[in-house]
Amino acid sequence: MTPPADDTTSTERRLLQSVVEVARHAFGAAASSVFLVDPGSGDLVFEAVAGEGDDLLVGTRFPAGTGIAGWVAASGQSMLVDDLRDSEHFSGEAAESTGYVPNSIMAAPLFSDDACIGVLEVLDRGAGGTREMADVELLDLLADQAAIGLTLLTRLRATEPDQRSDKAMRLLEMAESLLAGSRG
């Protein structure tokens, strides 16, 4: 997905921004981000960032397969690495290009229709790794909710306005209102 340049995906962007802010807060992390997979190139594109690098990284691209996010997108499996010096999948070069090199990463795939559409990452989470399985399960849940919300909003946007039901329109308006209020 190419970074949006207009208002047609502002609700989707706000949804993803809310997800990364919740993830950062829930894990006491230095940063959290969502990459979406560009369907044309397979590149990973920063779509939302909270914490280190926010406002600077949105729209930044990495080639498919780059780093832990690339591995998670390709494999469809979550990953937690508490010491990145021990990870063969970590790309120090990619991390340095963002201006922040973490010590630990936790990442989960976002799925839509059995395809990985993105990756939710948490960098340098707090709690010293004492709840590894619970942390991965919570991150998976957040990633699932983000993917479901993104899929529903995208499908609703793709529906012709005159074919949208009143209930669907209320849902879209409610989502936009809630997301606008959370950024207020």
Protein backbone atom coordinates (compact mmCIF):
# COMPACT_ATOMS: atom_id res chain seq x y z
CA MET A 1 0.00 0.00 0.00
CA THR A 2 1.45 3.32 -1.04
CA PRO A 3 1.35 6.00 1.66
CA PRO A 4 -1.86 7.96 1.21
CA ALA A 5 -1.59 11.48 -0.11
CA ASP A 6 -5.24 12.44 0.24
CA ASP A 7 -8.11 12.23 2.70
CA THR A 8 -9.59 8.97 1.37
CA THR A 9 -7.50 6.93 3.79
CA SER A 10 -7.25 9.37 6.69
CA THR A 11 -9.54 7.19 8.80
CA GLU A 12 -7.39 4.15 8.09
CA ARG A 13 -4.24 6.10 8.98
CA ARG A 14 -5.85 7.30 12.25
CA LEU A 15 -6.86 3.71 13.05
CA LEU A 16 -3.30 2.51 12.60
CA GLN A 17 -1.95 5.46 14.59
CA SER A 18 -4.29 4.57 17.46
CA VAL A 19 -3.08 0.97 17.34
CA VAL A 20 0.60 1.92 17.58
CA GLU A 21 -0.10 4.33 20.42
CA VAL A 22 -2.01 1.64 22.34
CA ALA A 23 0.75 -0.91 21.68
CA ARG A 24 3.47 1.48 22.84
CA HIS A 25 1.55 2.27 26.01
CA ALA A 26 0.51 -1.33 26.74
CA PHE A 27 4.10 -2.56 26.58
CA GLY A 28 5.85 0.49 28.03
CA ALA A 29 7.88 0.55 24.82
CA ALA A 30 10.21 3.14 23.35
CA ALA A 31 8.36 2.95 20.04
CA SER A 32 5.77 1.07 18.05
CA SER A 33 5.02 1.04 14.33
CA VAL A 34 2.88 -0.47 11.62
CA PHE A 35 4.30 -1.38 8.24
CA LEU A 36 1.91 -2.18 5.41
CA VAL A 37 2.97 -4.35 2.50
CA ASP A 38 2.79 -2.54 -0.83
CA PRO A 39 0.83 -5.00 -3.00
CA GLY A 40 2.68 -3.94 -6.16
CA SER A 41 6.28 -4.10 -5.00
CA GLY A 42 6.10 -6.07 -1.75
CA ASP A 43 7.94 -3.21 -0.02
CA LEU A 44 7.27 -2.57 3.65
CA VAL A 45 5.96 0.98 4.15
CA PHE A 46 5.80 2.75 7.52
CA GLU A 47 2.14 3.79 7.89
CA ALA A 48 2.03 4.73 11.58
CA VAL A 49 4.67 5.35 14.25
CA ALA A 50 4.48 6.20 17.96
CA GLY A 51 7.52 7.12 20.01
CA GLU A 52 11.02 7.21 18.58
CA GLY A 53 10.90 8.41 14.97
CA ASP A 54 7.25 9.44 14.89
CA ASP A 55 6.40 12.09 12.28
CA LEU A 56 9.63 11.35 10.40
CA LEU A 57 9.20 7.76 9.27
CA VAL A 58 5.67 7.58 7.85
CA GLY A 59 6.02 6.80 4.14
CA THR A 60 9.54 5.37 4.46
CA ARG A 61 9.96 2.14 2.49
CA PHE A 62 12.10 -0.93 2.93
CA PRO A 63 12.48 -3.70 0.36
CA ALA A 64 10.47 -6.88 0.92
CA GLY A 65 12.17 -9.23 3.36
CA THR A 66 14.14 -6.51 5.16
CA GLY A 67 14.79 -7.13 8.83
CA ILE A 68 12.47 -8.69 11.36
CA ALA A 69 9.39 -6.97 9.91
CA GLY A 70 10.26 -8.47 6.52
CA TRP A 71 10.68 -11.92 8.03
CA VAL A 72 7.36 -11.66 9.90
CA ALA A 73 5.57 -10.47 6.73
CA ALA A 74 7.04 -13.32 4.67
CA SER A 75 6.54 -16.08 7.26
CA GLY A 76 3.25 -14.89 8.74
CA GLN A 77 4.59 -15.69 12.21
CA SER A 78 5.08 -13.44 15.21
CA MET A 79 8.56 -12.93 16.58
CA LEU A 80 10.04 -11.70 19.84
CA VAL A 81 13.77 -11.03 20.14
CA ASP A 82 14.95 -9.62 23.46
CA ASP A 83 18.59 -9.24 22.33
CA LEU A 84 18.91 -8.24 18.70
CA ARG A 85 22.62 -9.04 18.69
CA ASP A 86 21.50 -12.69 18.64
CA SER A 87 19.10 -12.34 15.70
CA GLU A 88 20.02 -13.36 12.17
CA HIS A 89 16.88 -11.55 10.90
CA PHE A 90 17.65 -8.11 12.37
CA SER A 91 18.91 -5.49 9.90
CA GLY A 92 21.10 -3.04 11.77
CA GLU A 93 21.53 -1.02 8.56
CA ALA A 94 17.75 -0.57 8.17
CA ALA A 95 17.43 0.35 11.86
CA GLU A 96 20.23 2.92 11.63
CA SER A 97 18.52 4.54 8.65
CA THR A 98 15.48 5.25 10.87
CA GLY A 99 17.58 7.07 13.47
CA TYR A 100 16.78 4.58 16.23
CA VAL A 101 18.50 1.24 16.82
CA PRO A 102 16.54 -0.87 19.32
CA ASN A 103 17.83 -3.59 21.62
CA SER A 104 14.67 -5.70 21.35
CA ILE A 105 11.78 -6.11 18.92
CA MET A 106 8.45 -7.85 19.10
CA ALA A 107 6.49 -8.13 15.84
CA ALA A 108 3.19 -9.63 14.67
CA PRO A 109 1.66 -9.98 11.20
CA LEU A 110 -1.57 -8.29 10.11
CA PHE A 111 -3.74 -10.61 8.00
CA SER A 112 -6.59 -9.93 5.60
CA ASP A 113 -8.16 -12.74 3.58
CA ASP A 114 -5.32 -15.12 4.53
CA ALA A 115 -2.66 -12.73 3.21
CA CYS A 116 -0.20 -10.77 5.31
CA ILE A 117 -0.91 -7.09 4.66
CA GLY A 118 1.44 -5.66 7.25
CA VAL A 119 3.38 -5.94 10.48
CA LEU A 120 2.89 -4.38 13.93
CA GLU A 121 6.20 -3.86 15.76
CA VAL A 122 7.05 -2.88 19.33
CA LEU A 123 10.61 -1.70 20.02
CA ASP A 124 12.33 -1.96 23.39
CA ARG A 125 9.31 -3.01 25.43
CA GLY A 126 9.43 -2.61 29.18
CA ALA A 127 9.01 -5.36 31.81
CA GLY A 128 12.33 -7.02 31.00
CA GLY A 129 10.81 -9.91 29.07
CA THR A 130 9.15 -11.50 32.08
CA ARG A 131 5.83 -12.15 30.28
CA GLU A 132 7.06 -13.27 26.87
CA MET A 133 4.12 -15.48 25.87
CA ALA A 134 1.50 -13.10 27.26
CA ASP A 135 3.19 -10.19 25.46
CA VAL A 136 3.23 -12.01 22.12
CA GLU A 137 -0.41 -13.05 22.56
CA LEU A 138 -1.43 -9.45 23.32
CA LEU A 139 0.53 -8.14 20.34
CA ASP A 140 -1.12 -10.78 18.11
CA LEU A 141 -4.52 -9.63 19.37
CA LEU A 142 -3.72 -5.97 18.65
CA ALA A 143 -2.46 -6.91 15.18
CA ASP A 144 -5.64 -8.90 14.49
CA GLN A 145 -7.84 -6.00 15.59
CA ALA A 146 -5.87 -3.56 13.44
CA ALA A 147 -6.14 -5.83 10.40
CA ILE A 148 -9.88 -6.37 10.90
CA GLY A 149 -10.53 -2.65 11.32
CA LEU A 150 -8.37 -1.77 8.34
CA THR A 151 -10.03 -4.41 6.16
CA LEU A 152 -13.54 -3.29 7.10
CA LEU A 153 -12.76 0.38 6.51
CA THR A 154 -11.06 -0.36 3.19
CA ARG A 155 -13.97 -2.50 1.97
CA LEU A 156 -16.51 0.09 3.05
CA ARG A 157 -14.57 2.82 1.22
CA ALA A 158 -14.50 0.63 -1.92
CA THR A 159 -18.29 0.29 -1.87
CA GLU A 160 -20.12 2.82 -4.01
CA PRO A 161 -21.64 5.49 -1.73
CA ASP A 162 -25.17 4.75 -2.93
CA GLN A 163 -24.71 1.05 -2.08
CA ARG A 164 -23.57 1.61 1.51
CA SER A 165 -26.20 0.67 4.04
CA ASP A 166 -27.32 3.10 6.72
CA LYS A 167 -25.77 0.79 9.31
CA ALA A 168 -22.44 0.75 7.44
CA MET A 169 -22.47 4.54 7.16
CA ARG A 170 -23.17 4.89 10.88
CA LEU A 171 -20.31 2.47 11.60
CA LEU A 172 -17.93 4.48 9.43
CA GLU A 173 -19.03 7.78 10.98
CA MET A 174 -18.70 6.32 14.49
CA ALA A 175 -15.21 4.99 13.74
CA GLU A 176 -14.14 8.34 12.32
CA SER A 177 -15.63 10.16 15.33
CA LEU A 178 -13.93 7.86 17.86
CA LEU A 179 -10.59 8.10 16.10
CA ALA A 180 -10.85 11.88 15.80
CA GLY A 181 -11.66 12.09 19.52
CA SER A 182 -8.70 9.88 20.48
CA ARG A 183 -6.26 12.21 18.68
CA GLY A 184 -7.92 15.38 20.08
